[in-house]
Amino acid sequence: MDAYDGGTDAPREAEASRGPDTGPPPGEGPRATGSVPRPRAEAPGGRAPDGEPTDRPDSAEPVSGDSGTDSPGTVRSAAPADAAARPVPPVGSDAAPAGSGPMSVEHGPDPAAAGPRTGVAALSTPYRIAAALAVAVVTVAVCVHVGMVFLHVAPANTVTKNHGEAVDDWVYPEFEQNWKLFAPNPLQQNIAVQVRADIRTASGETRTTGWYDLSAQDGRDIDGNLLPSHTQQNELRRAWDFYTGSHDAENRSVSTRSALSESYLRRIVVLRLDRGGAAGQGGVVERVQVRSRTTDVPAPGWSDEKTSSGAAYRVLPWWPLTGDDTAGGAQ
């Protein structure tokens, strides 16, 4: 028979005489601590399963945490000692848990805690705008250049028929495309561009210099150079090809760009003479003469091909210089 039947106080007196709670009585599992109410299910007829009448409107008995003793059937849950002192952030707030670093409630993580800014982010607003404009200008220029070169090498179409002159003005002479590398018979000759000049010295005398081999100078600059410049590799060679393509063997004009090709070549050789100090201290270059020296590339030893060991020269007429052709104008 259950100890709680009969409405006596014997069980309660036994509980009181047992003193402070030192553990669960024999036959019961470990007790948990806390202040969680223990639900009690009612049996039919308003009585608990153990036969005790239920005199409370609800079936849960709150447990007081200050008594130091547990009544029979009390269930307590384990909780950290500092749980009551630790603030609980409201749901949806930006508060960070302890140990997560400085936070800003309005803006999230503190920007100052992320370290100093680098690169474009470290610039002020005006400099950021300037950098963005510079990038935009460079991007537009690159796109225009690629488009012009594409139209130049593409087959004839409506755009090139209507705007071919504008495309040629953009491409020639610096960006002319040459496909001789892919021709059935690639070039098998070495062409050297040479120049000499008539100099008026500081004392008023006139003298003619020897031949300056400009192609050999470019070759020495390229030899052993891991990153040769475009001017060292192509400027002089393309200028000579541009001239010979617009003039016949008698140096007569055969193209509408003949005058441009002659001016372009003349300015290049004058600039090279000025850099080399050909006129000397106080001297002035009055006129120049350009020639080419062409030799065949020797055939390999295993080939039966016969090549000439001599040199062929093509000499251009003397060109008097104007103010636009001097070193300052050529620059």
C-alpha atoms as a PDB file:
ATOM      1  CA  MET A   1       0.000   0.000   0.000  1.00  0.00           C
ATOM      2  CA  ASP A   2       1.308   3.480  -0.950  1.00  0.00           C
ATOM      3  CA  ALA A   3       2.620   5.517   1.984  1.00  0.00           C
ATOM      4  CA  TYR A   4       0.568   8.489   0.851  1.00  0.00           C
ATOM      5  CA  ASP A   5      -2.786   6.597   1.071  1.00  0.00           C
ATOM      6  CA  GLY A   6      -5.073   7.084   4.000  1.00  0.00           C
ATOM      7  CA  GLY A   7      -4.576  10.810   4.307  1.00  0.00           C
ATOM      8  CA  THR A   8      -2.012  10.461   7.157  1.00  0.00           C
ATOM      9  CA  ASP A   9       0.999  12.662   7.746  1.00  0.00           C
ATOM     10  CA  ALA A  10       3.355   9.758   8.335  1.00  0.00           C
ATOM     11  CA  PRO A  11       5.226  10.171   5.096  1.00  0.00           C
ATOM     12  CA  ARG A  12       5.690  13.882   5.680  1.00  0.00           C
ATOM     13  CA  GLU A  13       6.922  13.263   9.258  1.00  0.00           C
ATOM     14  CA  ALA A  14       9.379  10.689   7.919  1.00  0.00           C
ATOM     15  CA  GLU A  15      10.591  13.177   5.359  1.00  0.00           C
ATOM     16  CA  ALA A  16      11.101  15.839   8.014  1.00  0.00           C
ATOM     17  CA  SER A  17      12.880  13.441  10.392  1.00  0.00           C
ATOM     18  CA  ARG A  18      15.303  12.453   7.654  1.00  0.00           C
ATOM     19  CA  GLY A  19      16.878  15.925   7.741  1.00  0.00           C
ATOM     20  CA  PRO A  20      18.462  17.758   4.831  1.00  0.00           C
ATOM     21  CA  ASP A  21      18.353  16.003   1.525  1.00  0.00           C
ATOM     22  CA  THR A  22      21.637  14.185   0.917  1.00  0.00           C
ATOM     23  CA  GLY A  23      20.627  12.265  -2.127  1.00  0.00           C
ATOM     24  CA  PRO A  24      17.849  10.237  -3.600  1.00  0.00           C
ATOM     25  CA  PRO A  25      16.411   7.447  -1.499  1.00  0.00           C
ATOM     26  CA  PRO A  26      17.230   3.902  -2.464  1.00  0.00           C
ATOM     27  CA  GLY A  27      15.561   2.805  -5.638  1.00  0.00           C
ATOM     28  CA  GLU A  28      15.366   6.290  -7.206  1.00  0.00           C
ATOM     29  CA  GLY A  29      17.521   7.732  -9.968  1.00  0.00           C
ATOM     30  CA  PRO A  30      19.731  10.809  -9.637  1.00  0.00           C
ATOM     31  CA  ARG A  31      17.925  14.039  -9.046  1.00  0.00           C
ATOM     32  CA  ALA A  32      18.438  17.144 -11.142  1.00  0.00           C
ATOM     33  CA  THR A  33      18.475  20.566  -9.613  1.00  0.00           C
ATOM     34  CA  GLY A  34      16.708  23.683 -10.740  1.00  0.00           C
ATOM     35  CA  SER A  35      13.373  25.400 -10.581  1.00  0.00           C
ATOM     36  CA  VAL A  36      11.456  23.553 -13.256  1.00  0.00           C
ATOM     37  CA  PRO A  37       7.924  22.591 -12.221  1.00  0.00           C
ATOM     38  CA  ARG A  38       7.187  18.886 -12.327  1.00  0.00           C
ATOM     39  CA  PRO A  39       3.964  18.131 -14.141  1.00  0.00           C
ATOM     40  CA  ARG A  40       1.646  15.774 -12.367  1.00  0.00           C
ATOM     41  CA  ALA A  41      -0.902  13.860 -14.336  1.00  0.00           C
ATOM     42  CA  GLU A  42      -4.297  13.393 -12.734  1.00  0.00           C
ATOM     43  CA  ALA A  43      -6.043  10.100 -12.623  1.00  0.00           C
ATOM     44  CA  PRO A  44      -9.756   9.891 -13.291  1.00  0.00           C
ATOM     45  CA  GLY A  45     -11.811  11.192 -10.421  1.00  0.00           C
ATOM     46  CA  GLY A  46      -9.555  14.098  -9.556  1.00  0.00           C
ATOM     47  CA  ARG A  47      -6.876  11.995  -7.871  1.00  0.00           C
ATOM     48  CA  ALA A  48      -3.220  11.626  -8.645  1.00  0.00           C
ATOM     49  CA  PRO A  49      -1.883   8.264  -9.718  1.00  0.00           C
ATOM     50  CA  ASP A  50      -0.630   7.606  -6.160  1.00  0.00           C
ATOM     51  CA  GLY A  51      -4.081   8.190  -4.699  1.00  0.00           C
ATOM     52  CA  GLU A  52      -3.487  11.669  -3.229  1.00  0.00           C
ATOM     53  CA  PRO A  53      -6.351  14.089  -3.857  1.00  0.00           C
ATOM     54  CA  THR A  54      -5.553  17.014  -6.076  1.00  0.00           C
ATOM     55  CA  ASP A  55      -6.493  20.288  -4.397  1.00  0.00           C
ATOM     56  CA  ARG A  56      -4.745  22.688  -6.862  1.00  0.00           C
ATOM     57  CA  PRO A  57      -6.369  24.052  -9.977  1.00  0.00           C
ATOM     58  CA  ASP A  58      -3.254  23.176 -12.028  1.00  0.00           C
ATOM     59  CA  SER A  59      -1.258  19.976 -12.057  1.00  0.00           C
ATOM     60  CA  ALA A  60       2.230  21.517 -11.757  1.00  0.00           C
ATOM     61  CA  GLU A  61       3.883  22.267  -8.453  1.00  0.00           C
ATOM     62  CA  PRO A  62       6.446  25.048  -8.472  1.00  0.00           C
ATOM     63  CA  VAL A  63       9.557  24.152  -6.596  1.00  0.00           C
ATOM     64  CA  SER A  64      11.232  26.751  -4.439  1.00  0.00           C
ATOM     65  CA  GLY A  65      14.986  26.973  -4.744  1.00  0.00           C
ATOM     66  CA  ASP A  66      15.465  28.550  -1.291  1.00  0.00           C
ATOM     67  CA  SER A  67      14.276  25.806   1.013  1.00  0.00           C
ATOM     68  CA  GLY A  68      17.401  23.675   0.747  1.00  0.00           C
ATOM     69  CA  THR A  69      15.286  20.527   0.705  1.00  0.00           C
ATOM     70  CA  ASP A  70      13.483  18.684  -2.025  1.00  0.00           C
ATOM     71  CA  SER A  71      10.023  17.375  -1.663  1.00  0.00           C
ATOM     72  CA  PRO A  72       9.275  13.972  -3.046  1.00  0.00           C
ATOM     73  CA  GLY A  73       9.101  13.978  -6.865  1.00  0.00           C
ATOM     74  CA  THR A  74      10.982  17.281  -7.228  1.00  0.00           C
ATOM     75  CA  VAL A  75      12.874  17.603 -10.521  1.00  0.00           C
ATOM     76  CA  ARG A  76      15.710  20.119 -10.779  1.00  0.00           C
ATOM     77  CA  SER A  77      17.708  20.972 -13.909  1.00  0.00           C
ATOM     78  CA  ALA A  78      21.439  21.691 -13.914  1.00  0.00           C
ATOM     79  CA  ALA A  79      22.406  25.287 -14.763  1.00  0.00           C
ATOM     80  CA  PRO A  80      25.675  27.256 -14.592  1.00  0.00           C
ATOM     81  CA  ALA A  81      26.258  29.235 -11.467  1.00  0.00           C
ATOM     82  CA  ASP A  82      26.546  32.507 -13.355  1.00  0.00           C
ATOM     83  CA  ALA A  83      23.499  31.919 -15.550  1.00  0.00           C
ATOM     84  CA  ALA A  84      21.465  34.482 -13.652  1.00  0.00           C
ATOM     85  CA  ALA A  85      24.191  37.132 -13.897  1.00  0.00           C
ATOM     86  CA  ARG A  86      24.830  36.698 -17.635  1.00  0.00           C
ATOM     87  CA  PRO A  87      22.704  39.073 -19.760  1.00  0.00           C
ATOM     88  CA  VAL A  88      20.710  37.423 -22.499  1.00  0.00           C
ATOM     89  CA  PRO A  89      20.590  39.491 -25.691  1.00  0.00           C
ATOM     90  CA  PRO A  90      17.147  39.942 -27.168  1.00  0.00           C
ATOM     91  CA  VAL A  91      16.247  37.967 -30.259  1.00  0.00           C
ATOM     92  CA  GLY A  92      17.277  39.750 -33.468  1.00  0.00           C
ATOM     93  CA  SER A  93      19.742  42.121 -31.769  1.00  0.00           C
ATOM     94  CA  ASP A  94      23.306  42.681 -32.984  1.00  0.00           C
ATOM     95  CA  ALA A  95      24.887  42.070 -29.623  1.00  0.00           C
ATOM     96  CA  ALA A  96      27.848  39.718 -29.779  1.00  0.00           C
ATOM     97  CA  PRO A  97      28.679  37.014 -27.250  1.00  0.00           C
ATOM     98  CA  ALA A  98      31.530  37.556 -24.865  1.00  0.00           C
ATOM     99  CA  GLY A  99      34.992  37.091 -26.346  1.00  0.00           C
ATOM    100  CA  SER A 100      33.970  37.834 -29.942  1.00  0.00           C
ATOM    101  CA  GLY A 101      35.745  41.228 -30.170  1.00  0.00           C
ATOM    102  CA  PRO A 102      34.446  44.789 -30.337  1.00  0.00           C
ATOM    103  CA  MET A 103      31.140  45.186 -32.095  1.00  0.00           C
ATOM    104  CA  SER A 104      29.034  48.106 -33.197  1.00  0.00           C
ATOM    105  CA  VAL A 105      25.345  47.642 -32.516  1.00  0.00           C
ATOM    106  CA  GLU A 106      24.347  49.854 -35.414  1.00  0.00           C
ATOM    107  CA  HIS A 107      26.911  48.772 -38.018  1.00  0.00           C
ATOM    108  CA  GLY A 108      28.170  45.313 -37.022  1.00  0.00           C
ATOM    109  CA  PRO A 109      31.915  44.740 -36.539  1.00  0.00           C
ATOM    110  CA  ASP A 110      33.966  47.777 -35.618  1.00  0.00           C
ATOM    111  CA  PRO A 111      35.921  48.887 -38.778  1.00  0.00           C
ATOM    112  CA  ALA A 112      38.830  50.044 -36.616  1.00  0.00           C
ATOM    113  CA  ALA A 113      39.332  46.498 -35.337  1.00  0.00           C
ATOM    114  CA  ALA A 114      39.840  45.165 -38.911  1.00  0.00           C
ATOM    115  CA  GLY A 115      43.229  46.878 -39.354  1.00  0.00           C
ATOM    116  CA  PRO A 116      44.394  49.681 -41.662  1.00  0.00           C
ATOM    117  CA  ARG A 117      43.028  49.942 -45.191  1.00  0.00           C
ATOM    118  CA  THR A 118      45.286  49.254 -48.160  1.00  0.00           C
ATOM    119  CA  GLY A 119      45.197  49.871 -51.882  1.00  0.00           C
ATOM    120  CA  VAL A 120      42.430  51.971 -53.394  1.00  0.00           C
ATOM    121  CA  ALA A 121      40.374  51.658 -50.210  1.00  0.00           C
ATOM    122  CA  ALA A 122      43.001  53.717 -48.365  1.00  0.00           C
ATOM    123  CA  LEU A 123      42.540  56.694 -50.730  1.00  0.00           C
ATOM    124  CA  SER A 124      40.274  59.599 -50.021  1.00  0.00           C
ATOM    125  CA  THR A 125      37.061  60.054 -51.982  1.00  0.00           C
ATOM    126  CA  PRO A 126      38.484  62.530 -54.567  1.00  0.00           C
ATOM    127  CA  TYR A 127      41.417  60.216 -55.300  1.00  0.00           C
ATOM    128  CA  ARG A 128      39.085  57.227 -55.620  1.00  0.00           C
ATOM    129  CA  ILE A 129      37.055  59.148 -58.199  1.00  0.00           C
ATOM    130  CA  ALA A 130      40.249  60.081 -60.077  1.00  0.00           C
ATOM    131  CA  ALA A 131      41.422  56.452 -60.056  1.00  0.00           C
ATOM    132  CA  ALA A 132      38.043  55.259 -61.340  1.00  0.00           C
ATOM    133  CA  LEU A 133      38.121  57.842 -64.161  1.00  0.00           C
ATOM    134  CA  ALA A 134      41.679  56.818 -65.110  1.00  0.00           C
ATOM    135  CA  VAL A 135      40.679  53.147 -65.286  1.00  0.00           C
ATOM    136  CA  ALA A 136      37.639  54.057 -67.405  1.00  0.00           C
ATOM    137  CA  VAL A 137      39.741  56.128 -69.844  1.00  0.00           C
ATOM    138  CA  VAL A 138      42.329  53.347 -70.224  1.00  0.00           C
ATOM    139  CA  THR A 139      39.588  50.752 -70.757  1.00  0.00           C
ATOM    140  CA  VAL A 140      37.912  52.849 -73.452  1.00  0.00           C
ATOM    141  CA  ALA A 141      41.257  53.501 -75.192  1.00  0.00           C
ATOM    142  CA  VAL A 142      42.126  49.786 -75.222  1.00  0.00           C
ATOM    143  CA  CYS A 143      38.703  48.870 -76.611  1.00  0.00           C
ATOM    144  CA  VAL A 144      38.966  51.512 -79.361  1.00  0.00           C
ATOM    145  CA  HIS A 145      42.477  50.362 -80.308  1.00  0.00           C
ATOM    146  CA  VAL A 146      41.501  46.694 -80.468  1.00  0.00           C
ATOM    147  CA  GLY A 147      38.459  47.583 -82.554  1.00  0.00           C
ATOM    148  CA  MET A 148      40.501  49.678 -84.992  1.00  0.00           C
ATOM    149  CA  VAL A 149      43.114  46.955 -85.455  1.00  0.00           C
ATOM    150  CA  PHE A 150      40.375  44.380 -85.972  1.00  0.00           C
ATOM    151  CA  LEU A 151      38.739  46.517 -88.680  1.00  0.00           C
ATOM    152  CA  HIS A 152      42.148  47.037 -90.291  1.00  0.00           C
ATOM    153  CA  VAL A 153      42.888  43.313 -90.688  1.00  0.00           C
ATOM    154  CA  ALA A 154      39.294  42.203 -91.289  1.00  0.00           C
ATOM    155  CA  PRO A 155      37.935  41.683 -94.814  1.00  0.00           C
ATOM    156  CA  ALA A 156      36.284  44.646 -96.497  1.00  0.00           C
ATOM    157  CA  ASN A 157      32.913  45.426 -94.960  1.00  0.00           C
ATOM    158  CA  THR A 158      30.446  48.271 -94.652  1.00  0.00           C
ATOM    159  CA  VAL A 159      32.308  49.920 -91.760  1.00  0.00           C
ATOM    160  CA  THR A 160      35.689  49.906 -93.496  1.00  0.00           C
ATOM    161  CA  LYS A 161      34.137  51.201 -96.721  1.00  0.00           C
ATOM    162  CA  ASN A 162      32.574  54.174 -94.942  1.00  0.00           C
ATOM    163  CA  HIS A 163      35.288  54.819 -92.335  1.00  0.00           C
ATOM    164  CA  GLY A 164      38.391  53.248 -93.886  1.00  0.00           C
ATOM    165  CA  GLU A 165      40.314  56.537 -93.842  1.00  0.00           C
ATOM    166  CA  ALA A 166      39.779  56.963 -90.099  1.00  0.00           C
ATOM    167  CA  VAL A 167      40.909  53.367 -89.490  1.00  0.00           C
ATOM    168  CA  ASP A 168      44.078  53.884 -91.583  1.00  0.00           C
ATOM    169  CA  ASP A 169      44.892  57.136 -89.784  1.00  0.00           C
ATOM    170  CA  TRP A 170      44.710  55.298 -86.470  1.00  0.00           C
ATOM    171  CA  VAL A 171      46.743  52.260 -87.525  1.00  0.00           C
ATOM    172  CA  TYR A 172      49.452  53.777 -89.733  1.00  0.00           C
ATOM    173  CA  PRO A 173      52.319  53.915 -89.271  1.00  0.00           C
ATOM    174  CA  GLU A 174      52.936  52.695 -85.721  1.00  0.00           C
ATOM    175  CA  PHE A 175      50.386  49.858 -85.597  1.00  0.00           C
ATOM    176  CA  GLU A 176      50.569  48.452 -89.118  1.00  0.00           C
ATOM    177  CA  GLN A 177      50.106  44.685 -89.229  1.00  0.00           C
ATOM    178  CA  ASN A 178      52.565  42.531 -91.148  1.00  0.00           C
ATOM    179  CA  TRP A 179      51.755  38.901 -91.986  1.00  0.00           C
ATOM    180  CA  LYS A 180      54.984  38.031 -93.816  1.00  0.00           C
ATOM    181  CA  LEU A 181      55.861  35.513 -91.113  1.00  0.00           C
ATOM    182  CA  PHE A 182      52.967  33.353 -92.339  1.00  0.00           C
ATOM    183  CA  ALA A 183      53.679  33.828 -96.058  1.00  0.00           C
ATOM    184  CA  PRO A 184      54.647  30.790 -98.164  1.00  0.00           C
ATOM    185  CA  ASN A 185      58.154  32.229 -98.508  1.00  0.00           C
ATOM    186  CA  PRO A 186      59.147  34.048 -95.311  1.00  0.00           C
ATOM    187  CA  LEU A 187      61.876  36.662 -95.444  1.00  0.00           C
ATOM    188  CA  GLN A 188      65.319  35.120 -95.765  1.00  0.00           C
ATOM    189  CA  GLN A 189      67.338  38.320 -95.829  1.00  0.00           C
ATOM    190  CA  ASN A 190      68.949  40.608 -93.308  1.00  0.00           C
ATOM    191  CA  ILE A 191      68.152  44.260 -94.003  1.00  0.00           C
ATOM    192  CA  ALA A 192      70.184  46.923 -92.213  1.00  0.00           C
ATOM    193  CA  VAL A 193      69.112  50.577 -92.303  1.00  0.00           C
ATOM    194  CA  GLN A 194      71.994  53.049 -92.317  1.00  0.00           C
ATOM    195  CA  VAL A 195      72.199  56.852 -92.350  1.00  0.00           C
ATOM    196  CA  ARG A 196      74.745  59.604 -92.805  1.00  0.00           C
ATOM    197  CA  ALA A 197      74.421  63.362 -92.449  1.00  0.00           C
ATOM    198  CA  ASP A 198      75.845  66.706 -93.528  1.00  0.00           C
ATOM    199  CA  ILE A 199      76.850  68.617 -90.393  1.00  0.00           C
ATOM    200  CA  ARG A 200      77.450  72.332 -89.983  1.00  0.00           C
ATOM    201  CA  THR A 201      79.865  72.682 -87.096  1.00  0.00           C
ATOM    202  CA  ALA A 202      79.978  75.439 -84.530  1.00  0.00           C
ATOM    203  CA  SER A 203      82.785  77.133 -86.487  1.00  0.00           C
ATOM    204  CA  GLY A 204      80.636  77.247 -89.659  1.00  0.00           C
ATOM    205  CA  GLU A 205      82.355  74.429 -91.518  1.00  0.00           C
ATOM    206  CA  THR A 206      80.419  71.644 -93.261  1.00  0.00           C
ATOM    207  CA  ARG A 207      81.350  68.000 -93.086  1.00  0.00           C
ATOM    208  CA  THR A 208      79.762  64.681 -93.986  1.00  0.00           C
ATOM    209  CA  THR A 209      79.666  61.918 -91.418  1.00  0.00           C
ATOM    210  CA  GLY A 210      80.252  58.258 -92.090  1.00  0.00           C
ATOM    211  CA  TRP A 211      77.459  55.708 -92.294  1.00  0.00           C
ATOM    212  CA  TYR A 212      75.749  54.933 -88.969  1.00  0.00           C
ATOM    213  CA  ASP A 213      74.337  51.409 -88.893  1.00  0.00           C
ATOM    214  CA  LEU A 214      71.109  52.003 -86.947  1.00  0.00           C
ATOM    215  CA  SER A 215      69.952  48.380 -87.276  1.00  0.00           C
ATOM    216  CA  ALA A 216      73.209  47.151 -85.746  1.00  0.00           C
ATOM    217  CA  GLN A 217      72.665  49.506 -82.799  1.00  0.00           C
ATOM    218  CA  ASP A 218      69.208  48.018 -82.240  1.00  0.00           C
ATOM    219  CA  GLY A 219      70.682  44.519 -82.471  1.00  0.00           C
ATOM    220  CA  ARG A 220      73.241  45.292 -79.769  1.00  0.00           C
ATOM    221  CA  ASP A 221      70.498  46.688 -77.520  1.00  0.00           C
ATOM    222  CA  ILE A 222      68.355  43.577 -77.998  1.00  0.00           C
ATOM    223  CA  ASP A 223      71.164  41.045 -77.579  1.00  0.00           C
ATOM    224  CA  GLY A 224      71.046  39.707 -74.008  1.00  0.00           C
ATOM    225  CA  ASN A 225      68.046  41.882 -73.109  1.00  0.00           C
ATOM    226  CA  LEU A 226      65.243  39.789 -71.635  1.00  0.00           C
ATOM    227  CA  LEU A 227      62.667  42.541 -72.145  1.00  0.00           C
ATOM    228  CA  PRO A 228      63.626  44.623 -75.206  1.00  0.00           C
ATOM    229  CA  SER A 229      61.440  47.611 -75.984  1.00  0.00           C
ATOM    230  CA  HIS A 230      59.142  47.923 -78.959  1.00  0.00           C
ATOM    231  CA  THR A 231      61.273  50.714 -80.434  1.00  0.00           C
ATOM    232  CA  GLN A 232      64.392  48.547 -80.323  1.00  0.00           C
ATOM    233  CA  GLN A 233      62.676  45.653 -82.070  1.00  0.00           C
ATOM    234  CA  ASN A 234      60.259  47.146 -84.555  1.00  0.00           C
ATOM    235  CA  GLU A 235      60.355  50.936 -84.907  1.00  0.00           C
ATOM    236  CA  LEU A 236      63.157  51.248 -87.476  1.00  0.00           C
ATOM    237  CA  ARG A 237      62.290  48.025 -89.315  1.00  0.00           C
ATOM    238  CA  ARG A 238      58.631  48.935 -89.702  1.00  0.00           C
ATOM    239  CA  ALA A 239      59.502  52.469 -90.793  1.00  0.00           C
ATOM    240  CA  TRP A 240      61.693  51.083 -93.604  1.00  0.00           C
ATOM    241  CA  ASP A 241      59.003  48.592 -94.653  1.00  0.00           C
ATOM    242  CA  PHE A 242      56.465  51.412 -94.662  1.00  0.00           C
ATOM    243  CA  TYR A 243      58.665  53.496 -96.950  1.00  0.00           C
ATOM    244  CA  THR A 244      59.500  50.705 -99.420  1.00  0.00           C
ATOM    245  CA  GLY A 245      55.837  49.701 -99.559  1.00  0.00           C
ATOM    246  CA  SER A 246      54.796  53.177-100.678  1.00  0.00           C
ATOM    247  CA  HIS A 247      57.702  53.812-103.143  1.00  0.00           C
ATOM    248  CA  ASP A 248      59.000  51.888-106.122  1.00  0.00           C
ATOM    249  CA  ALA A 249      62.621  50.926-106.792  1.00  0.00           C
ATOM    250  CA  GLU A 250      63.288  54.419-108.187  1.00  0.00           C
ATOM    251  CA  ASN A 251      61.967  55.990-104.974  1.00  0.00           C
ATOM    252  CA  ARG A 252      58.898  57.346-106.716  1.00  0.00           C
ATOM    253  CA  SER A 253      55.607  57.610-104.865  1.00  0.00           C
ATOM    254  CA  VAL A 254      53.070  54.863-105.510  1.00  0.00           C
ATOM    255  CA  SER A 255      50.690  55.446-102.590  1.00  0.00           C
ATOM    256  CA  THR A 256      48.736  58.226-100.963  1.00  0.00           C
ATOM    257  CA  ARG A 257      50.766  57.584 -97.794  1.00  0.00           C
ATOM    258  CA  SER A 258      54.143  58.137 -99.456  1.00  0.00           C
ATOM    259  CA  ALA A 259      54.701  61.561 -97.923  1.00  0.00           C
ATOM    260  CA  LEU A 260      53.772  60.233 -94.484  1.00  0.00           C
ATOM    261  CA  SER A 261      56.181  57.291 -94.788  1.00  0.00           C
ATOM    262  CA  GLU A 262      59.048  59.574 -95.869  1.00  0.00           C
ATOM    263  CA  SER A 263      58.442  62.007 -93.002  1.00  0.00           C
ATOM    264  CA  TYR A 264      58.180  59.154 -90.500  1.00  0.00           C
ATOM    265  CA  LEU A 265      61.494  57.575 -91.566  1.00  0.00           C
ATOM    266  CA  ARG A 266      63.284  60.916 -91.687  1.00  0.00           C
ATOM    267  CA  ARG A 267      62.255  61.873 -88.159  1.00  0.00           C
ATOM    268  CA  ILE A 268      63.402  58.522 -86.782  1.00  0.00           C
ATOM    269  CA  VAL A 269      66.906  58.755 -88.266  1.00  0.00           C
ATOM    270  CA  VAL A 270      67.306  62.406 -87.171  1.00  0.00           C
ATOM    271  CA  LEU A 271      66.297  61.485 -83.644  1.00  0.00           C
ATOM    272  CA  ARG A 272      68.817  58.608 -83.603  1.00  0.00           C
ATOM    273  CA  LEU A 273      71.591  60.946 -84.840  1.00  0.00           C
ATOM    274  CA  ASP A 274      70.775  63.459 -82.152  1.00  0.00           C
ATOM    275  CA  ARG A 275      70.881  60.792 -79.438  1.00  0.00           C
ATOM    276  CA  GLY A 276      74.248  59.591 -80.724  1.00  0.00           C
ATOM    277  CA  GLY A 277      75.705  63.116 -80.733  1.00  0.00           C
ATOM    278  CA  ALA A 278      76.594  63.016 -84.431  1.00  0.00           C
ATOM    279  CA  ALA A 279      76.555  66.801 -84.834  1.00  0.00           C
ATOM    280  CA  GLY A 280      78.978  67.362 -81.966  1.00  0.00           C
ATOM    281  CA  GLN A 281      79.057  70.309 -79.578  1.00  0.00           C
ATOM    282  CA  GLY A 282      77.266  73.260 -81.194  1.00  0.00           C
ATOM    283  CA  GLY A 283      76.807  71.439 -84.524  1.00  0.00           C
ATOM    284  CA  VAL A 284      73.624  71.260 -86.579  1.00  0.00           C
ATOM    285  CA  VAL A 285      72.387  68.505 -88.905  1.00  0.00           C
ATOM    286  CA  GLU A 286      71.468  70.112 -92.234  1.00  0.00           C
ATOM    287  CA  ARG A 287      70.455  67.078 -94.298  1.00  0.00           C
ATOM    288  CA  VAL A 288      70.459  63.281 -94.122  1.00  0.00           C
ATOM    289  CA  GLN A 289      70.697  60.367 -96.503  1.00  0.00           C
ATOM    290  CA  VAL A 290      69.351  56.856 -95.823  1.00  0.00           C
ATOM    291  CA  ARG A 291      70.299  53.563 -97.428  1.00  0.00           C
ATOM    292  CA  SER A 292      69.646  49.871 -96.863  1.00  0.00           C
ATOM    293  CA  ARG A 293      72.153  47.040 -96.929  1.00  0.00           C
ATOM    294  CA  THR A 294      70.602  43.670 -97.795  1.00  0.00           C
ATOM    295  CA  THR A 295      72.342  40.315 -97.386  1.00  0.00           C
ATOM    296  CA  ASP A 296      70.991  36.785 -97.724  1.00  0.00           C
ATOM    297  CA  VAL A 297      70.715  34.560 -94.679  1.00  0.00           C
ATOM    298  CA  PRO A 298      73.227  31.703 -95.171  1.00  0.00           C
ATOM    299  CA  ALA A 299      71.634  28.348 -95.920  1.00  0.00           C
ATOM    300  CA  PRO A 300      72.107  25.560 -93.354  1.00  0.00           C
ATOM    301  CA  GLY A 301      74.850  23.028 -93.931  1.00  0.00           C
ATOM    302  CA  TRP A 302      72.452  20.200 -94.764  1.00  0.00           C
ATOM    303  CA  SER A 303      70.680  22.236 -97.482  1.00  0.00           C
ATOM    304  CA  ASP A 304      71.573  22.308-101.189  1.00  0.00           C
ATOM    305  CA  GLU A 305      70.289  25.875-101.524  1.00  0.00           C
ATOM    306  CA  LYS A 306      72.769  28.399-102.911  1.00  0.00           C
ATOM    307  CA  THR A 307      72.843  31.892-101.428  1.00  0.00           C
ATOM    308  CA  SER A 308      74.797  34.986-102.353  1.00  0.00           C
ATOM    309  CA  SER A 309      77.428  36.246 -99.951  1.00  0.00           C
ATOM    310  CA  GLY A 310      77.410  39.781-101.380  1.00  0.00           C
ATOM    311  CA  ALA A 311      75.421  42.811-100.194  1.00  0.00           C
ATOM    312  CA  ALA A 312      72.884  44.852-102.147  1.00  0.00           C
ATOM    313  CA  TYR A 313      72.401  48.554-101.394  1.00  0.00           C
ATOM    314  CA  ARG A 314      69.447  50.829-101.943  1.00  0.00           C
ATOM    315  CA  VAL A 315      70.405  54.487-101.513  1.00  0.00           C
ATOM    316  CA  LEU A 316      67.775  57.186-101.054  1.00  0.00           C
ATOM    317  CA  PRO A 317      68.276  60.828-102.094  1.00  0.00           C
ATOM    318  CA  TRP A 318      69.476  63.493 -99.679  1.00  0.00           C
ATOM    319  CA  TRP A 319      66.688  64.967 -97.552  1.00  0.00           C
ATOM    320  CA  PRO A 320      67.125  68.555 -96.355  1.00  0.00           C
ATOM    321  CA  LEU A 321      65.770  69.067 -92.846  1.00  0.00           C
ATOM    322  CA  THR A 322      63.136  71.564 -91.756  1.00  0.00           C
ATOM    323  CA  GLY A 323      62.285  72.777 -88.308  1.00  0.00           C
ATOM    324  CA  ASP A 324      59.807  69.931 -87.839  1.00  0.00           C
ATOM    325  CA  ASP A 325      62.504  67.373 -88.640  1.00  0.00           C
ATOM    326  CA  THR A 326      64.970  68.482 -85.975  1.00  0.00           C
ATOM    327  CA  ALA A 327      65.346  66.658 -82.681  1.00  0.00           C
ATOM    328  CA  GLY A 328      62.795  68.857 -80.901  1.00  0.00           C
ATOM    329  CA  GLY A 329      60.235  68.486 -83.673  1.00  0.00           C
ATOM    330  CA  ALA A 330      60.811  64.752 -83.993  1.00  0.00           C
ATOM    331  CA  GLN A 331      60.224  64.226 -80.314  1.00  0.00           C
END
